């Protein structure tokens, strides 16, 4: 396990701007070879810092409906249900859940059918309150500038430094600040598996 450094942050920033940027170009910008950048990206993926690479599609160019921002105020026991339904909808591009339990999302919905679509999406939710705002323009600018990355121990929540450890358990990568946290986590994981 190693700490994330300034070079990792520069690589992440360049990938956030354009995930298809060649590693050789990134290497020139950060002072590494293309293969060295590739190794770092592999480590960032393995550690869970990079989850996947994606594209930013301008749906306006595809005539994909009316852009709206929807804020739903569901009952407290329905927040997870609403979030999952919204997340799984093809029309939705971005979903946020506020600290107050509101579900806010950006979507493109067929003109004239916004209320009908929302009523269908929320049909089993008792008395959901929502507001719909027509969006004039959207700008999505993912960035890692000004962010400090620190891996968190899966057992105790402390920051994982260069003396920490990582382990793959059932296909998932977990990070630990020390060997004793790793051991406790594995023991508890086995107990849960045996109890199932």
Protein backbone atom coordinates (compact mmCIF):
# COMPACT_ATOMS: atom_id res chain seq x y z
CA UNK A 1 0.00 0.00 0.00
CA UNK A 2 1.31 3.46 -0.83
CA UNK A 3 0.08 7.00 -0.27
CA UNK A 4 -1.49 8.92 -3.11
CA UNK A 5 0.88 11.66 -4.18
CA UNK A 6 0.77 14.85 -6.25
CA UNK A 7 1.47 12.88 -9.42
CA UNK A 8 -1.58 10.68 -8.77
CA UNK A 9 -3.70 13.81 -8.32
CA UNK A 10 -2.36 15.29 -11.56
CA UNK A 11 -3.14 12.05 -13.41
CA UNK A 12 -6.67 12.01 -11.96
CA UNK A 13 -7.19 15.63 -12.96
CA UNK A 14 -6.08 14.95 -16.54
CA UNK A 15 -8.30 11.86 -16.76
CA UNK A 16 -11.26 13.85 -15.39
CA UNK A 17 -10.82 16.32 -18.26
CA UNK A 18 -10.56 13.56 -20.88
CA UNK A 19 -10.62 9.88 -19.90
CA UNK A 20 -9.49 8.89 -23.41
CA UNK A 21 -6.28 10.91 -23.18
CA UNK A 22 -3.35 8.63 -24.09
CA UNK A 23 -1.09 7.58 -21.21
CA UNK A 24 1.91 8.88 -23.18
CA UNK A 25 0.34 12.36 -23.27
CA UNK A 26 -0.42 12.19 -19.55
CA UNK A 27 3.13 10.99 -18.92
CA UNK A 28 4.55 14.02 -20.76
CA UNK A 29 2.44 16.32 -18.60
CA UNK A 30 3.45 14.70 -15.28
CA UNK A 31 7.04 13.69 -16.07
CA UNK A 32 6.55 9.92 -16.38
CA UNK A 33 6.62 7.38 -19.17
CA UNK A 34 3.37 6.06 -20.64
CA UNK A 35 3.86 2.62 -19.00
CA UNK A 36 4.51 4.27 -15.61
CA UNK A 37 1.23 6.18 -15.95
CA UNK A 38 -0.51 2.95 -16.90
CA UNK A 39 0.84 1.29 -13.74
CA UNK A 40 -0.39 4.16 -11.58
CA UNK A 41 -3.83 4.11 -13.20
CA UNK A 42 -4.01 0.34 -12.61
CA UNK A 43 -3.16 0.89 -8.92
CA UNK A 44 -5.76 3.67 -8.63
CA UNK A 45 -8.38 1.33 -10.12
CA UNK A 46 -7.31 -1.55 -7.88
CA UNK A 47 -7.50 0.66 -4.78
CA UNK A 48 -11.00 1.84 -5.71
CA UNK A 49 -10.10 5.50 -6.31
CA UNK A 50 -11.05 5.12 -10.00
CA UNK A 51 -14.25 3.15 -10.43
CA UNK A 52 -14.67 3.33 -14.20
CA UNK A 53 -14.17 5.46 -17.27
CA UNK A 54 -17.20 6.99 -18.93
CA UNK A 55 -18.31 9.52 -21.53
CA UNK A 56 -20.21 12.76 -21.23
CA UNK A 57 -23.00 12.65 -23.83
CA UNK A 58 -24.73 15.89 -24.81
CA UNK A 59 -28.28 14.55 -25.01
CA UNK A 60 -29.45 17.86 -26.46
CA UNK A 61 -27.64 16.83 -29.64
CA UNK A 62 -29.64 13.60 -29.66
CA UNK A 63 -33.05 15.27 -29.21
CA UNK A 64 -33.55 13.22 -26.09
CA UNK A 65 -36.33 15.16 -24.40
CA UNK A 66 -36.81 18.21 -22.23
CA UNK A 67 -34.08 18.84 -19.62
CA UNK A 68 -35.52 19.11 -16.11
CA UNK A 69 -34.26 19.29 -12.55
CA UNK A 70 -36.56 17.42 -10.19
CA UNK A 71 -36.56 17.63 -6.41
CA UNK A 72 -38.51 14.90 -4.62
CA UNK A 73 -39.31 15.11 -0.90
CA UNK A 74 -40.24 11.49 -0.14
CA UNK A 75 -41.25 10.11 3.26
CA UNK A 76 -38.15 9.15 5.29
CA UNK A 77 -38.77 5.42 4.85
CA UNK A 78 -38.96 5.79 1.04
CA UNK A 79 -35.72 7.68 0.33
CA UNK A 80 -33.77 4.54 -0.68
CA UNK A 81 -36.62 3.28 -2.86
CA UNK A 82 -36.95 6.61 -4.66
CA UNK A 83 -33.17 6.92 -5.13
CA UNK A 84 -32.96 3.42 -6.64
CA UNK A 85 -35.90 3.96 -9.00
CA UNK A 86 -34.55 7.30 -10.14
CA UNK A 87 -31.02 5.92 -10.55
CA UNK A 88 -32.30 3.01 -12.67
CA UNK A 89 -34.33 5.21 -15.02
CA UNK A 90 -32.85 5.68 -18.50
CA UNK A 91 -33.98 9.32 -18.58
CA UNK A 92 -31.92 10.28 -15.50
CA UNK A 93 -28.31 11.42 -15.78
CA UNK A 94 -27.37 12.65 -12.29
CA UNK A 95 -28.85 11.81 -8.88
CA UNK A 96 -28.16 13.48 -5.53
CA UNK A 97 -29.54 12.74 -2.07
CA UNK A 98 -29.41 15.69 0.31
CA UNK A 99 -28.73 15.50 4.04
CA UNK A 100 -32.42 16.28 4.59
CA UNK A 101 -33.42 13.19 2.59
CA UNK A 102 -34.54 14.93 -0.60
CA UNK A 103 -33.75 13.18 -3.88
CA UNK A 104 -32.66 15.67 -6.55
CA UNK A 105 -31.99 14.59 -10.11
CA UNK A 106 -31.36 15.87 -13.61
CA UNK A 107 -33.22 14.11 -16.42
CA UNK A 108 -34.39 14.49 -19.99
CA UNK A 109 -38.04 13.59 -20.36
CA UNK A 110 -40.35 13.58 -23.37
CA UNK A 111 -42.09 16.96 -23.69
CA UNK A 112 -45.65 16.95 -22.43
CA UNK A 113 -45.18 13.78 -20.38
CA UNK A 114 -43.11 15.01 -17.45
CA UNK A 115 -45.86 14.75 -14.78
CA UNK A 116 -47.11 11.42 -16.17
CA UNK A 117 -43.56 10.02 -16.16
CA UNK A 118 -42.93 11.21 -12.60
CA UNK A 119 -46.26 9.84 -11.35
CA UNK A 120 -45.34 6.44 -12.84
CA UNK A 121 -41.86 6.56 -11.34
CA UNK A 122 -43.22 7.38 -7.87
CA UNK A 123 -46.49 5.39 -8.05
CA UNK A 124 -45.90 3.20 -4.96
CA UNK A 125 -44.50 6.03 -2.82
CA UNK A 126 -47.11 7.45 -0.46
CA UNK A 127 -47.69 11.19 -0.93
CA UNK A 128 -44.39 12.15 -2.55
CA UNK A 129 -43.96 15.89 -2.95
CA UNK A 130 -41.91 17.04 -5.90
CA UNK A 131 -41.05 20.12 -7.92
CA UNK A 132 -39.94 20.27 -11.53
CA UNK A 133 -37.73 23.01 -12.95
CA UNK A 134 -37.03 23.41 -16.66
CA UNK A 135 -33.26 23.58 -17.24
CA UNK A 136 -31.89 26.04 -19.77
CA UNK A 137 -28.30 24.77 -19.88
CA UNK A 138 -26.10 22.23 -18.14
CA UNK A 139 -22.40 22.23 -17.50
CA UNK A 140 -20.80 19.18 -15.93
CA UNK A 141 -17.18 19.78 -14.93
CA UNK A 142 -15.80 16.91 -12.87
CA UNK A 143 -12.56 17.85 -11.21
CA UNK A 144 -10.22 16.59 -8.53
CA UNK A 145 -8.47 19.94 -8.09
CA UNK A 146 -8.31 21.09 -4.49
CA UNK A 147 -9.17 17.62 -3.17
CA UNK A 148 -6.99 15.55 -0.93
CA UNK A 149 -7.34 11.83 -1.36
CA UNK A 150 -7.02 9.57 1.60
CA UNK A 151 -8.02 5.96 1.72
CA UNK A 152 -10.13 5.06 4.74
CA UNK A 153 -9.73 1.94 6.85
CA UNK A 154 -12.70 -0.38 6.28
CA UNK A 155 -12.57 -1.48 9.94
CA UNK A 156 -12.00 1.64 12.06
CA UNK A 157 -12.37 4.57 9.64
CA UNK A 158 -8.85 5.93 10.20
CA UNK A 159 -6.76 7.21 7.30
CA UNK A 160 -4.69 4.54 5.56
CA UNK A 161 -1.08 5.58 5.04
CA UNK A 162 1.94 3.88 3.48
CA UNK A 163 2.05 1.33 6.33
CA UNK A 164 -1.52 0.22 5.65
CA UNK A 165 -2.65 -2.93 3.91
CA UNK A 166 -5.14 -3.85 1.20
CA UNK A 167 -7.02 -7.11 0.79
CA UNK A 168 -9.38 -8.50 -1.83
CA UNK A 169 -12.31 -10.25 -0.16
CA UNK A 170 -14.99 -11.81 -2.36
CA UNK A 171 -13.89 -9.67 -5.29
CA UNK A 172 -13.98 -6.35 -3.40
CA UNK A 173 -10.83 -4.41 -2.44
CA UNK A 174 -10.72 -3.17 1.16
CA UNK A 175 -8.08 -0.93 2.74
CA UNK A 176 -6.85 -1.12 6.34
CA UNK A 177 -4.65 1.15 8.43
CA UNK A 178 -2.92 -1.76 10.21
CA UNK A 179 -2.71 -5.56 10.26
CA UNK A 180 -4.92 -5.82 13.36
CA UNK A 181 -7.80 -3.98 11.60
CA UNK A 182 -7.43 -6.33 8.63
CA UNK A 183 -7.52 -9.34 10.95
CA UNK A 184 -10.61 -8.07 12.85
CA UNK A 185 -12.40 -7.32 9.59
CA UNK A 186 -11.63 -10.78 8.15
CA UNK A 187 -12.77 -12.48 11.37
CA UNK A 188 -16.05 -10.56 11.43
CA UNK A 189 -16.57 -11.19 7.70
CA UNK A 190 -16.12 -14.97 8.22
CA UNK A 191 -18.53 -14.93 11.17
CA UNK A 192 -21.18 -13.20 9.08
CA UNK A 193 -20.66 -15.66 6.21
CA UNK A 194 -20.95 -18.63 8.56
CA UNK A 195 -24.09 -17.22 10.15
CA UNK A 196 -25.87 -16.86 6.81
